[in-house]
Amino acid sequence: MKFKFWGVRGSIPAPGPQTVRYGGNTTCIEVRTNRDARLVLDCGTGIFPLGQSLAPEESVEVHVFITHSHWDHINGLPMFEPLFDSRTRCHVYGAAADGVDRGINHVFDVQFQNTYFPITEAQLSASIDFRTLSAGEVFMIEDARVEAVLMNHPVTNFGYRIDCGGKSLFLPENRVGSWHV
């Protein structure tokens, strides 16, 4: 299992010379399993360079895990280039939206409202499906075992434990010091 940090900041992106060493984008981590399944943890502004790094001629299957719906964890979502490519299959996972009794698809519905972004979800070319998770839910994606762990936060927030090939990665909140491998 390999992973790459595309964004590590909280609250707002802070790109510039002072953040070159640790990165200035908000939370986004790419995990590649031993069988090369692509898991993306959070959709902060770091998802933009991740999307740009994918070869335009290759079809992409990506599993996107949203820890929670605060802006710094989802604000890069409309800028993820693979969503505009019909060869992309995107699976989105996360908790039900607090207080509205709607699944994780609610995050997409809000992000792609014309009030906030000029392109609607219906205009995206990728095949997108949603899976609303429950705390403690465990499932497999290829050779990776994924567990949604309920965390303490003002909104429903999942940490994700990924086990693959005898190694584990656990993503709680977006504090860099909280990473465990």
N, C-alpha and C. Protein backbone atom coordinates (compact mmCIF):
# COMPACT_ATOMS: atom_id res chain seq x y z
N MET A 1 0.85 -1.17 0.00
CA MET A 1 0.00 0.00 0.00
C MET A 1 0.90 1.24 0.00
N LYS A 2 0.54 2.20 -0.86
CA LYS A 2 1.29 3.45 -0.93
C LYS A 2 0.30 4.60 -0.77
N PHE A 3 0.78 5.71 -0.24
CA PHE A 3 -0.09 6.87 -0.14
C PHE A 3 0.68 8.13 -0.41
N LYS A 4 -0.05 9.14 -0.90
CA LYS A 4 0.54 10.43 -1.21
C LYS A 4 -0.35 11.53 -0.65
N PHE A 5 0.26 12.49 0.01
CA PHE A 5 -0.46 13.63 0.57
C PHE A 5 -0.57 14.72 -0.50
N TRP A 6 -1.77 14.97 -0.98
CA TRP A 6 -1.99 16.03 -1.96
C TRP A 6 -2.41 17.33 -1.26
N GLY A 7 -2.86 17.22 -0.03
CA GLY A 7 -3.25 18.38 0.75
C GLY A 7 -3.27 18.02 2.22
N VAL A 8 -2.76 18.92 3.06
CA VAL A 8 -2.68 18.63 4.50
C VAL A 8 -3.19 19.77 5.37
N ARG A 9 -3.59 20.88 4.77
CA ARG A 9 -4.02 22.03 5.55
C ARG A 9 -5.46 21.86 6.03
N GLY A 10 -5.78 22.57 7.08
CA GLY A 10 -7.15 22.64 7.56
C GLY A 10 -7.72 24.01 7.28
N SER A 11 -9.01 24.12 7.28
CA SER A 11 -9.77 25.35 7.13
C SER A 11 -9.62 26.04 5.78
N ILE A 12 -8.45 26.60 5.46
CA ILE A 12 -8.30 27.29 4.18
C ILE A 12 -6.98 26.86 3.53
N PRO A 13 -6.95 26.83 2.19
CA PRO A 13 -5.68 26.54 1.54
C PRO A 13 -4.72 27.70 1.77
N ALA A 14 -3.44 27.38 1.82
CA ALA A 14 -2.42 28.40 2.05
C ALA A 14 -1.22 28.14 1.15
N PRO A 15 -1.43 28.17 -0.20
CA PRO A 15 -0.31 27.91 -1.09
C PRO A 15 0.67 29.07 -1.11
N GLY A 16 1.89 28.78 -1.43
CA GLY A 16 2.90 29.82 -1.53
C GLY A 16 4.25 29.31 -1.09
N PRO A 17 5.27 30.16 -1.16
CA PRO A 17 6.64 29.73 -0.84
C PRO A 17 6.79 29.20 0.58
N GLN A 18 6.00 29.71 1.52
CA GLN A 18 6.13 29.28 2.91
C GLN A 18 5.58 27.87 3.14
N THR A 19 4.76 27.38 2.22
CA THR A 19 4.14 26.07 2.44
C THR A 19 4.60 25.02 1.43
N VAL A 20 5.67 25.31 0.70
CA VAL A 20 6.14 24.36 -0.30
C VAL A 20 6.54 23.03 0.33
N ARG A 21 7.21 23.08 1.47
CA ARG A 21 7.70 21.84 2.09
C ARG A 21 6.56 20.92 2.52
N TYR A 22 5.51 21.47 3.13
CA TYR A 22 4.42 20.63 3.63
C TYR A 22 3.14 20.73 2.82
N GLY A 23 3.09 21.62 1.87
CA GLY A 23 1.92 21.74 1.01
C GLY A 23 0.90 22.72 1.53
N GLY A 24 0.26 23.40 0.61
CA GLY A 24 -0.69 24.43 1.00
C GLY A 24 -2.14 24.10 0.74
N ASN A 25 -2.43 22.93 0.17
CA ASN A 25 -3.81 22.56 -0.12
C ASN A 25 -4.49 21.93 1.10
N THR A 26 -5.82 22.00 1.09
CA THR A 26 -6.58 21.35 2.17
C THR A 26 -6.66 19.85 1.90
N THR A 27 -7.10 19.13 2.88
CA THR A 27 -6.98 17.68 2.98
C THR A 27 -7.39 16.88 1.74
N CYS A 28 -6.45 16.08 1.28
CA CYS A 28 -6.68 15.11 0.22
C CYS A 28 -5.50 14.15 0.21
N ILE A 29 -5.79 12.88 0.38
CA ILE A 29 -4.75 11.85 0.41
C ILE A 29 -5.13 10.74 -0.57
N GLU A 30 -4.18 10.37 -1.40
CA GLU A 30 -4.39 9.27 -2.34
C GLU A 30 -3.75 8.02 -1.77
N VAL A 31 -4.50 6.93 -1.75
CA VAL A 31 -4.00 5.63 -1.30
C VAL A 31 -4.09 4.67 -2.48
N ARG A 32 -3.00 3.99 -2.75
CA ARG A 32 -2.98 2.95 -3.79
C ARG A 32 -2.76 1.62 -3.09
N THR A 33 -3.66 0.69 -3.33
CA THR A 33 -3.51 -0.63 -2.72
C THR A 33 -2.49 -1.44 -3.51
N ASN A 34 -2.16 -2.61 -3.00
CA ASN A 34 -1.21 -3.48 -3.69
C ASN A 34 -1.69 -3.87 -5.07
N ARG A 35 -3.02 -3.94 -5.26
CA ARG A 35 -3.59 -4.25 -6.58
C ARG A 35 -3.89 -2.98 -7.37
N ASP A 36 -3.41 -1.85 -6.90
CA ASP A 36 -3.52 -0.55 -7.56
C ASP A 36 -4.92 0.05 -7.55
N ALA A 37 -5.76 -0.36 -6.62
CA ALA A 37 -7.04 0.34 -6.44
C ALA A 37 -6.71 1.73 -5.90
N ARG A 38 -7.44 2.73 -6.37
CA ARG A 38 -7.18 4.12 -5.98
C ARG A 38 -8.28 4.57 -5.01
N LEU A 39 -7.86 4.87 -3.77
CA LEU A 39 -8.75 5.41 -2.75
C LEU A 39 -8.33 6.84 -2.48
N VAL A 40 -9.28 7.74 -2.39
CA VAL A 40 -8.99 9.15 -2.11
C VAL A 40 -9.70 9.51 -0.82
N LEU A 41 -8.93 10.00 0.13
CA LEU A 41 -9.47 10.38 1.43
C LEU A 41 -9.61 11.90 1.48
N ASP A 42 -10.82 12.35 1.45
CA ASP A 42 -11.23 13.76 1.47
C ASP A 42 -10.99 14.47 0.15
N CYS A 43 -11.78 15.51 -0.06
CA CYS A 43 -11.81 16.25 -1.32
C CYS A 43 -11.52 17.72 -1.10
N GLY A 44 -10.51 18.01 -0.27
CA GLY A 44 -10.09 19.39 -0.13
C GLY A 44 -9.45 19.86 -1.43
N THR A 45 -8.83 21.02 -1.42
CA THR A 45 -8.25 21.57 -2.64
C THR A 45 -7.12 20.72 -3.20
N GLY A 46 -6.59 19.80 -2.42
CA GLY A 46 -5.56 18.88 -2.92
C GLY A 46 -6.06 17.94 -3.98
N ILE A 47 -7.38 17.77 -4.11
CA ILE A 47 -7.90 16.87 -5.14
C ILE A 47 -7.70 17.44 -6.54
N PHE A 48 -7.53 18.76 -6.64
CA PHE A 48 -7.29 19.37 -7.95
C PHE A 48 -5.97 18.88 -8.56
N PRO A 49 -4.83 19.02 -7.87
CA PRO A 49 -3.59 18.49 -8.48
C PRO A 49 -3.61 16.97 -8.64
N LEU A 50 -4.30 16.26 -7.76
CA LEU A 50 -4.43 14.81 -7.94
C LEU A 50 -5.12 14.53 -9.26
N GLY A 51 -6.23 15.19 -9.52
CA GLY A 51 -6.95 14.99 -10.77
C GLY A 51 -6.12 15.33 -11.99
N GLN A 52 -5.34 16.40 -11.89
CA GLN A 52 -4.48 16.79 -13.00
C GLN A 52 -3.36 15.79 -13.25
N SER A 53 -2.97 15.06 -12.21
CA SER A 53 -1.86 14.10 -12.36
C SER A 53 -2.28 12.83 -13.09
N LEU A 54 -3.55 12.60 -13.19
CA LEU A 54 -4.03 11.39 -13.86
C LEU A 54 -3.95 11.58 -15.37
N ALA A 55 -3.39 10.62 -16.05
CA ALA A 55 -3.22 10.71 -17.50
C ALA A 55 -4.58 10.85 -18.18
N PRO A 56 -4.73 11.83 -19.05
CA PRO A 56 -6.04 12.05 -19.67
C PRO A 56 -6.50 10.90 -20.57
N GLU A 57 -5.58 10.08 -21.04
CA GLU A 57 -5.99 8.98 -21.92
C GLU A 57 -6.38 7.71 -21.17
N GLU A 58 -6.17 7.68 -19.85
CA GLU A 58 -6.51 6.46 -19.11
C GLU A 58 -7.89 6.56 -18.47
N SER A 59 -8.59 5.44 -18.45
CA SER A 59 -9.85 5.41 -17.72
C SER A 59 -9.50 5.31 -16.24
N VAL A 60 -10.32 5.90 -15.40
CA VAL A 60 -10.03 5.98 -13.98
C VAL A 60 -11.19 5.42 -13.17
N GLU A 61 -10.86 4.57 -12.21
CA GLU A 61 -11.84 4.17 -11.19
C GLU A 61 -11.29 4.65 -9.87
N VAL A 62 -12.09 5.42 -9.16
CA VAL A 62 -11.62 6.02 -7.93
C VAL A 62 -12.69 5.87 -6.85
N HIS A 63 -12.23 5.60 -5.64
CA HIS A 63 -13.10 5.47 -4.47
C HIS A 63 -12.81 6.66 -3.56
N VAL A 64 -13.78 7.55 -3.42
CA VAL A 64 -13.61 8.79 -2.66
C VAL A 64 -14.30 8.65 -1.31
N PHE A 65 -13.53 8.87 -0.24
CA PHE A 65 -14.05 8.79 1.12
C PHE A 65 -14.06 10.18 1.74
N ILE A 66 -15.24 10.62 2.15
CA ILE A 66 -15.36 11.93 2.77
C ILE A 66 -15.47 11.73 4.28
N THR A 67 -14.54 12.34 5.02
CA THR A 67 -14.57 12.19 6.47
C THR A 67 -15.76 12.93 7.06
N HIS A 68 -15.95 14.17 6.61
CA HIS A 68 -17.12 14.96 7.03
C HIS A 68 -17.30 16.10 6.05
N SER A 69 -18.42 16.78 6.17
CA SER A 69 -18.83 17.72 5.12
C SER A 69 -18.41 19.17 5.35
N HIS A 70 -17.48 19.43 6.25
CA HIS A 70 -16.99 20.80 6.37
C HIS A 70 -16.27 21.19 5.08
N TRP A 71 -16.35 22.48 4.72
CA TRP A 71 -15.86 22.96 3.43
C TRP A 71 -14.42 22.54 3.13
N ASP A 72 -13.54 22.57 4.11
CA ASP A 72 -12.14 22.26 3.81
C ASP A 72 -11.91 20.80 3.43
N HIS A 73 -12.93 19.98 3.59
CA HIS A 73 -12.83 18.56 3.22
C HIS A 73 -13.56 18.24 1.92
N ILE A 74 -14.32 19.22 1.40
CA ILE A 74 -15.09 18.97 0.17
C ILE A 74 -14.95 20.06 -0.88
N ASN A 75 -14.29 21.19 -0.57
CA ASN A 75 -14.34 22.31 -1.50
C ASN A 75 -13.57 22.11 -2.80
N GLY A 76 -12.76 21.09 -2.91
CA GLY A 76 -12.07 20.81 -4.17
C GLY A 76 -12.85 19.90 -5.09
N LEU A 77 -13.92 19.32 -4.60
CA LEU A 77 -14.69 18.33 -5.35
C LEU A 77 -15.09 18.80 -6.76
N PRO A 78 -15.64 20.00 -6.92
CA PRO A 78 -16.03 20.41 -8.29
C PRO A 78 -14.85 20.59 -9.24
N MET A 79 -13.64 20.64 -8.71
CA MET A 79 -12.46 20.85 -9.55
C MET A 79 -11.74 19.54 -9.89
N PHE A 80 -12.31 18.40 -9.52
CA PHE A 80 -11.68 17.11 -9.77
C PHE A 80 -11.92 16.72 -11.22
N GLU A 81 -10.93 16.92 -12.07
CA GLU A 81 -11.06 16.72 -13.51
C GLU A 81 -11.65 15.39 -13.94
N PRO A 82 -11.32 14.27 -13.30
CA PRO A 82 -11.90 13.00 -13.75
C PRO A 82 -13.43 12.96 -13.72
N LEU A 83 -14.07 13.83 -12.94
CA LEU A 83 -15.54 13.85 -12.92
C LEU A 83 -16.12 14.33 -14.25
N PHE A 84 -15.29 14.97 -15.07
CA PHE A 84 -15.74 15.51 -16.35
C PHE A 84 -15.37 14.59 -17.51
N ASP A 85 -14.93 13.37 -17.19
CA ASP A 85 -14.50 12.41 -18.20
C ASP A 85 -15.41 11.18 -18.14
N SER A 86 -16.01 10.83 -19.25
CA SER A 86 -16.96 9.71 -19.28
C SER A 86 -16.29 8.36 -19.02
N ARG A 87 -14.96 8.30 -19.05
CA ARG A 87 -14.26 7.04 -18.77
C ARG A 87 -14.04 6.82 -17.27
N THR A 88 -14.45 7.78 -16.45
CA THR A 88 -14.24 7.70 -15.01
C THR A 88 -15.42 7.04 -14.31
N ARG A 89 -15.09 6.12 -13.38
CA ARG A 89 -16.08 5.56 -12.46
C ARG A 89 -15.69 6.06 -11.08
N CYS A 90 -16.57 6.80 -10.43
CA CYS A 90 -16.29 7.39 -9.13
C CYS A 90 -17.29 6.85 -8.11
N HIS A 91 -16.77 6.28 -7.05
CA HIS A 91 -17.58 5.76 -5.95
C HIS A 91 -17.35 6.68 -4.76
N VAL A 92 -18.41 7.25 -4.21
CA VAL A 92 -18.29 8.20 -3.11
C VAL A 92 -18.88 7.59 -1.85
N TYR A 93 -18.11 7.66 -0.75
CA TYR A 93 -18.49 7.07 0.52
C TYR A 93 -18.47 8.15 1.61
N GLY A 94 -19.39 8.04 2.56
CA GLY A 94 -19.37 8.95 3.69
C GLY A 94 -20.63 8.82 4.51
N ALA A 95 -20.74 9.64 5.54
CA ALA A 95 -21.88 9.60 6.46
C ALA A 95 -23.08 10.33 5.86
N ALA A 96 -24.23 10.01 6.39
CA ALA A 96 -25.44 10.75 6.04
C ALA A 96 -25.28 12.18 6.52
N ALA A 97 -25.89 13.10 5.80
CA ALA A 97 -25.81 14.51 6.16
C ALA A 97 -26.58 14.75 7.46
N ASP A 98 -25.96 15.47 8.39
CA ASP A 98 -26.60 15.78 9.67
C ASP A 98 -27.84 16.64 9.46
N GLY A 99 -28.91 16.27 10.14
CA GLY A 99 -30.10 17.09 10.21
C GLY A 99 -30.99 17.12 8.98
N VAL A 100 -30.61 16.47 7.89
CA VAL A 100 -31.46 16.52 6.70
C VAL A 100 -31.93 15.14 6.25
N ASP A 101 -31.53 14.10 6.98
CA ASP A 101 -31.96 12.74 6.68
C ASP A 101 -31.70 12.37 5.21
N ARG A 102 -30.50 12.73 4.74
CA ARG A 102 -30.11 12.41 3.37
C ARG A 102 -28.74 11.75 3.39
N GLY A 103 -28.47 10.97 2.38
CA GLY A 103 -27.22 10.25 2.30
C GLY A 103 -26.05 11.13 1.89
N ILE A 104 -24.91 10.50 1.67
CA ILE A 104 -23.69 11.21 1.30
C ILE A 104 -23.87 11.94 -0.03
N ASN A 105 -24.79 11.51 -0.86
CA ASN A 105 -25.03 12.20 -2.11
C ASN A 105 -25.47 13.65 -1.90
N HIS A 106 -25.94 13.97 -0.70
CA HIS A 106 -26.34 15.34 -0.39
C HIS A 106 -25.16 16.30 -0.53
N VAL A 107 -23.95 15.84 -0.20
CA VAL A 107 -22.75 16.68 -0.35
C VAL A 107 -22.60 17.08 -1.81
N PHE A 108 -22.73 16.11 -2.72
CA PHE A 108 -22.66 16.41 -4.14
C PHE A 108 -23.78 17.34 -4.56
N ASP A 109 -25.00 17.04 -4.13
CA ASP A 109 -26.16 17.85 -4.50
C ASP A 109 -25.93 19.32 -4.16
N VAL A 110 -25.39 19.58 -2.98
CA VAL A 110 -25.16 20.96 -2.55
C VAL A 110 -24.00 21.58 -3.31
N GLN A 111 -22.88 20.85 -3.42
CA GLN A 111 -21.71 21.39 -4.12
C GLN A 111 -22.02 21.79 -5.56
N PHE A 112 -22.89 21.05 -6.22
CA PHE A 112 -23.16 21.30 -7.62
C PHE A 112 -24.47 22.06 -7.85
N GLN A 113 -24.96 22.76 -6.83
CA GLN A 113 -26.09 23.66 -7.03
C GLN A 113 -25.59 24.86 -7.82
N ASN A 114 -26.40 25.34 -8.73
CA ASN A 114 -26.01 26.47 -9.57
C ASN A 114 -25.65 27.71 -8.75
N THR A 115 -26.18 27.82 -7.57
CA THR A 115 -25.86 28.94 -6.69
C THR A 115 -24.38 28.94 -6.32
N TYR A 116 -23.78 27.75 -6.20
CA TYR A 116 -22.40 27.64 -5.73
C TYR A 116 -21.39 27.32 -6.83
N PHE A 117 -21.86 26.68 -7.91
CA PHE A 117 -20.94 26.26 -8.96
C PHE A 117 -21.70 26.26 -10.29
N PRO A 118 -21.09 26.73 -11.39
CA PRO A 118 -21.83 26.89 -12.64
C PRO A 118 -22.16 25.60 -13.38
N ILE A 119 -21.61 24.49 -12.96
CA ILE A 119 -21.89 23.21 -13.61
C ILE A 119 -22.71 22.36 -12.64
N THR A 120 -23.79 21.78 -13.14
CA THR A 120 -24.63 20.94 -12.28
C THR A 120 -24.10 19.51 -12.29
N GLU A 121 -24.52 18.75 -11.30
CA GLU A 121 -24.12 17.35 -11.22
C GLU A 121 -24.56 16.58 -12.46
N ALA A 122 -25.71 16.93 -13.02
CA ALA A 122 -26.22 16.25 -14.21
C ALA A 122 -25.30 16.46 -15.42
N GLN A 123 -24.49 17.49 -15.40
CA GLN A 123 -23.59 17.77 -16.51
C GLN A 123 -22.25 17.05 -16.40
N LEU A 124 -22.01 16.36 -15.29
CA LEU A 124 -20.76 15.61 -15.14
C LEU A 124 -20.82 14.38 -16.02
N SER A 125 -19.70 14.04 -16.63
CA SER A 125 -19.65 12.91 -17.56
C SER A 125 -19.36 11.58 -16.88
N ALA A 126 -18.70 11.61 -15.74
CA ALA A 126 -18.31 10.38 -15.05
C ALA A 126 -19.52 9.61 -14.55
N SER A 127 -19.32 8.33 -14.39
CA SER A 127 -20.32 7.49 -13.72
C SER A 127 -20.06 7.60 -12.22
N ILE A 128 -21.05 8.07 -11.46
CA ILE A 128 -20.87 8.33 -10.03
C ILE A 128 -21.92 7.55 -9.25
N ASP A 129 -21.45 6.82 -8.23
CA ASP A 129 -22.41 6.18 -7.33
C ASP A 129 -22.03 6.52 -5.89
N PHE A 130 -23.00 6.43 -5.03
CA PHE A 130 -22.85 6.85 -3.64
C PHE A 130 -23.14 5.71 -2.69
N ARG A 131 -22.39 5.68 -1.59
CA ARG A 131 -22.64 4.69 -0.55
C ARG A 131 -22.59 5.41 0.80
N THR A 132 -23.74 5.51 1.42
CA THR A 132 -23.82 6.13 2.73
C THR A 132 -23.45 5.08 3.76
N LEU A 133 -22.45 5.40 4.57
CA LEU A 133 -21.90 4.44 5.53
C LEU A 133 -22.48 4.63 6.92
N SER A 134 -22.42 3.59 7.70
CA SER A 134 -22.76 3.62 9.12
C SER A 134 -21.49 3.44 9.92
N ALA A 135 -21.49 3.97 11.12
CA ALA A 135 -20.33 3.81 12.01
C ALA A 135 -20.04 2.34 12.22
N GLY A 136 -18.79 1.96 12.10
CA GLY A 136 -18.38 0.57 12.31
C GLY A 136 -18.51 -0.31 11.08
N GLU A 137 -19.06 0.22 10.01
CA GLU A 137 -19.22 -0.57 8.79
C GLU A 137 -17.85 -0.95 8.23
N VAL A 138 -17.73 -2.21 7.81
CA VAL A 138 -16.49 -2.74 7.26
C VAL A 138 -16.82 -3.34 5.90
N PHE A 139 -15.97 -3.08 4.90
CA PHE A 139 -16.19 -3.63 3.57
C PHE A 139 -14.85 -3.71 2.83
N MET A 140 -14.86 -4.38 1.71
CA MET A 140 -13.65 -4.58 0.91
C MET A 140 -13.71 -3.76 -0.37
N ILE A 141 -12.58 -3.21 -0.75
CA ILE A 141 -12.38 -2.63 -2.07
C ILE A 141 -11.13 -3.31 -2.60
N GLU A 142 -11.35 -4.21 -3.54
CA GLU A 142 -10.27 -5.06 -4.07
C GLU A 142 -9.55 -5.74 -2.91
N ASP A 143 -8.26 -5.43 -2.72
CA ASP A 143 -7.47 -6.10 -1.68
C ASP A 143 -7.39 -5.29 -0.39
N ALA A 144 -8.21 -4.26 -0.26
CA ALA A 144 -8.17 -3.41 0.94
C ALA A 144 -9.45 -3.58 1.76
N ARG A 145 -9.25 -3.69 3.06
CA ARG A 145 -10.36 -3.74 4.01
C ARG A 145 -10.50 -2.32 4.57
N VAL A 146 -11.71 -1.76 4.47
CA VAL A 146 -11.96 -0.39 4.92
C VAL A 146 -12.99 -0.42 6.05
N GLU A 147 -12.70 0.33 7.11
CA GLU A 147 -13.63 0.44 8.24
C GLU A 147 -13.92 1.91 8.51
N ALA A 148 -15.20 2.25 8.63
CA ALA A 148 -15.62 3.61 8.98
C ALA A 148 -15.73 3.70 10.50
N VAL A 149 -14.95 4.59 11.10
CA VAL A 149 -14.89 4.72 12.56
C VAL A 149 -15.45 6.10 12.94
N LEU A 150 -16.45 6.12 13.80
CA LEU A 150 -17.05 7.38 14.22
C LEU A 150 -16.07 8.16 15.08
N MET A 151 -15.86 9.44 14.73
CA MET A 151 -14.93 10.31 15.45
C MET A 151 -15.72 11.40 16.18
N ASN A 152 -15.06 12.11 17.06
CA ASN A 152 -15.67 13.20 17.80
C ASN A 152 -15.44 14.51 17.05
N HIS A 153 -16.52 15.11 16.56
CA HIS A 153 -16.44 16.35 15.79
C HIS A 153 -17.81 17.01 15.85
N PRO A 154 -17.93 18.30 15.55
CA PRO A 154 -19.25 18.95 15.61
C PRO A 154 -20.29 18.39 14.64
N VAL A 155 -19.86 17.73 13.57
CA VAL A 155 -20.78 17.05 12.65
C VAL A 155 -20.36 15.58 12.61
N THR A 156 -21.22 14.75 12.04
CA THR A 156 -20.84 13.34 11.90
C THR A 156 -19.55 13.26 11.09
N ASN A 157 -18.58 12.57 11.66
CA ASN A 157 -17.24 12.52 11.10
C ASN A 157 -16.70 11.10 11.22
N PHE A 158 -16.29 10.55 10.09
CA PHE A 158 -15.69 9.22 10.10
C PHE A 158 -14.18 9.32 9.92
N GLY A 159 -13.47 8.52 10.69
CA GLY A 159 -12.09 8.22 10.39
C GLY A 159 -12.14 6.93 9.57
N TYR A 160 -11.16 6.70 8.74
CA TYR A 160 -11.14 5.49 7.92
C TYR A 160 -9.87 4.70 8.20
N ARG A 161 -10.07 3.44 8.53
CA ARG A 161 -8.94 2.54 8.69
C ARG A 161 -8.89 1.68 7.44
N ILE A 162 -7.73 1.66 6.82
CA ILE A 162 -7.52 0.86 5.61
C ILE A 162 -6.43 -0.15 5.91
N ASP A 163 -6.77 -1.43 5.75
CA ASP A 163 -5.82 -2.53 5.94
C ASP A 163 -5.58 -3.18 4.59
N CYS A 164 -4.30 -3.36 4.26
CA CYS A 164 -3.96 -3.96 2.98
C CYS A 164 -2.56 -4.55 3.07
N GLY A 165 -2.41 -5.81 2.72
CA GLY A 165 -1.10 -6.43 2.66
C GLY A 165 -0.34 -6.41 3.97
N GLY A 166 -1.07 -6.53 5.08
CA GLY A 166 -0.42 -6.56 6.39
C GLY A 166 -0.06 -5.19 6.94
N LYS A 167 -0.46 -4.12 6.26
CA LYS A 167 -0.20 -2.75 6.74
C LYS A 167 -1.53 -2.04 6.93
N SER A 168 -1.51 -1.01 7.79
CA SER A 168 -2.72 -0.25 8.07
C SER A 168 -2.45 1.24 7.99
N LEU A 169 -3.46 1.96 7.55
CA LEU A 169 -3.45 3.42 7.55
C LEU A 169 -4.75 3.85 8.20
N PHE A 170 -4.68 4.79 9.12
CA PHE A 170 -5.89 5.29 9.76
C PHE A 170 -5.93 6.79 9.61
N LEU A 171 -7.02 7.30 9.01
CA LEU A 171 -7.20 8.73 8.82
C LEU A 171 -8.30 9.23 9.73
N PRO A 172 -7.92 9.84 10.84
CA PRO A 172 -8.92 10.60 11.58
C PRO A 172 -8.94 12.00 11.02
N GLU A 173 -9.61 12.91 11.55
CA GLU A 173 -9.64 14.33 11.21
C GLU A 173 -8.50 14.78 10.33
N ASN A 174 -8.28 16.03 10.19
CA ASN A 174 -7.27 16.52 9.25
C ASN A 174 -6.02 17.08 9.93
N ARG A 175 -5.74 16.67 11.12
CA ARG A 175 -4.51 17.13 11.77
C ARG A 175 -3.36 16.23 11.33
N VAL A 176 -2.34 16.83 10.78
CA VAL A 176 -1.21 16.07 10.24
C VAL A 176 -0.63 15.15 11.30
N GLY A 177 -0.52 15.61 12.54
CA GLY A 177 0.05 14.79 13.60
C GLY A 177 -0.80 13.61 13.98
N SER A 178 -2.01 13.50 13.42
CA SER A 178 -2.90 12.41 13.79
C SER A 178 -2.80 11.21 12.86
N TRP A 179 -1.92 11.24 11.90
CA TRP A 179 -1.79 10.13 10.96
C TRP A 179 -1.12 8.95 11.64
N HIS A 180 -1.64 7.79 11.35
CA HIS A 180 -1.07 6.56 11.91
C HIS A 180 -0.88 5.56 10.77
N VAL A 181 0.30 4.99 10.68
CA VAL A 181 0.55 3.98 9.65
C VAL A 181 1.03 2.72 10.34
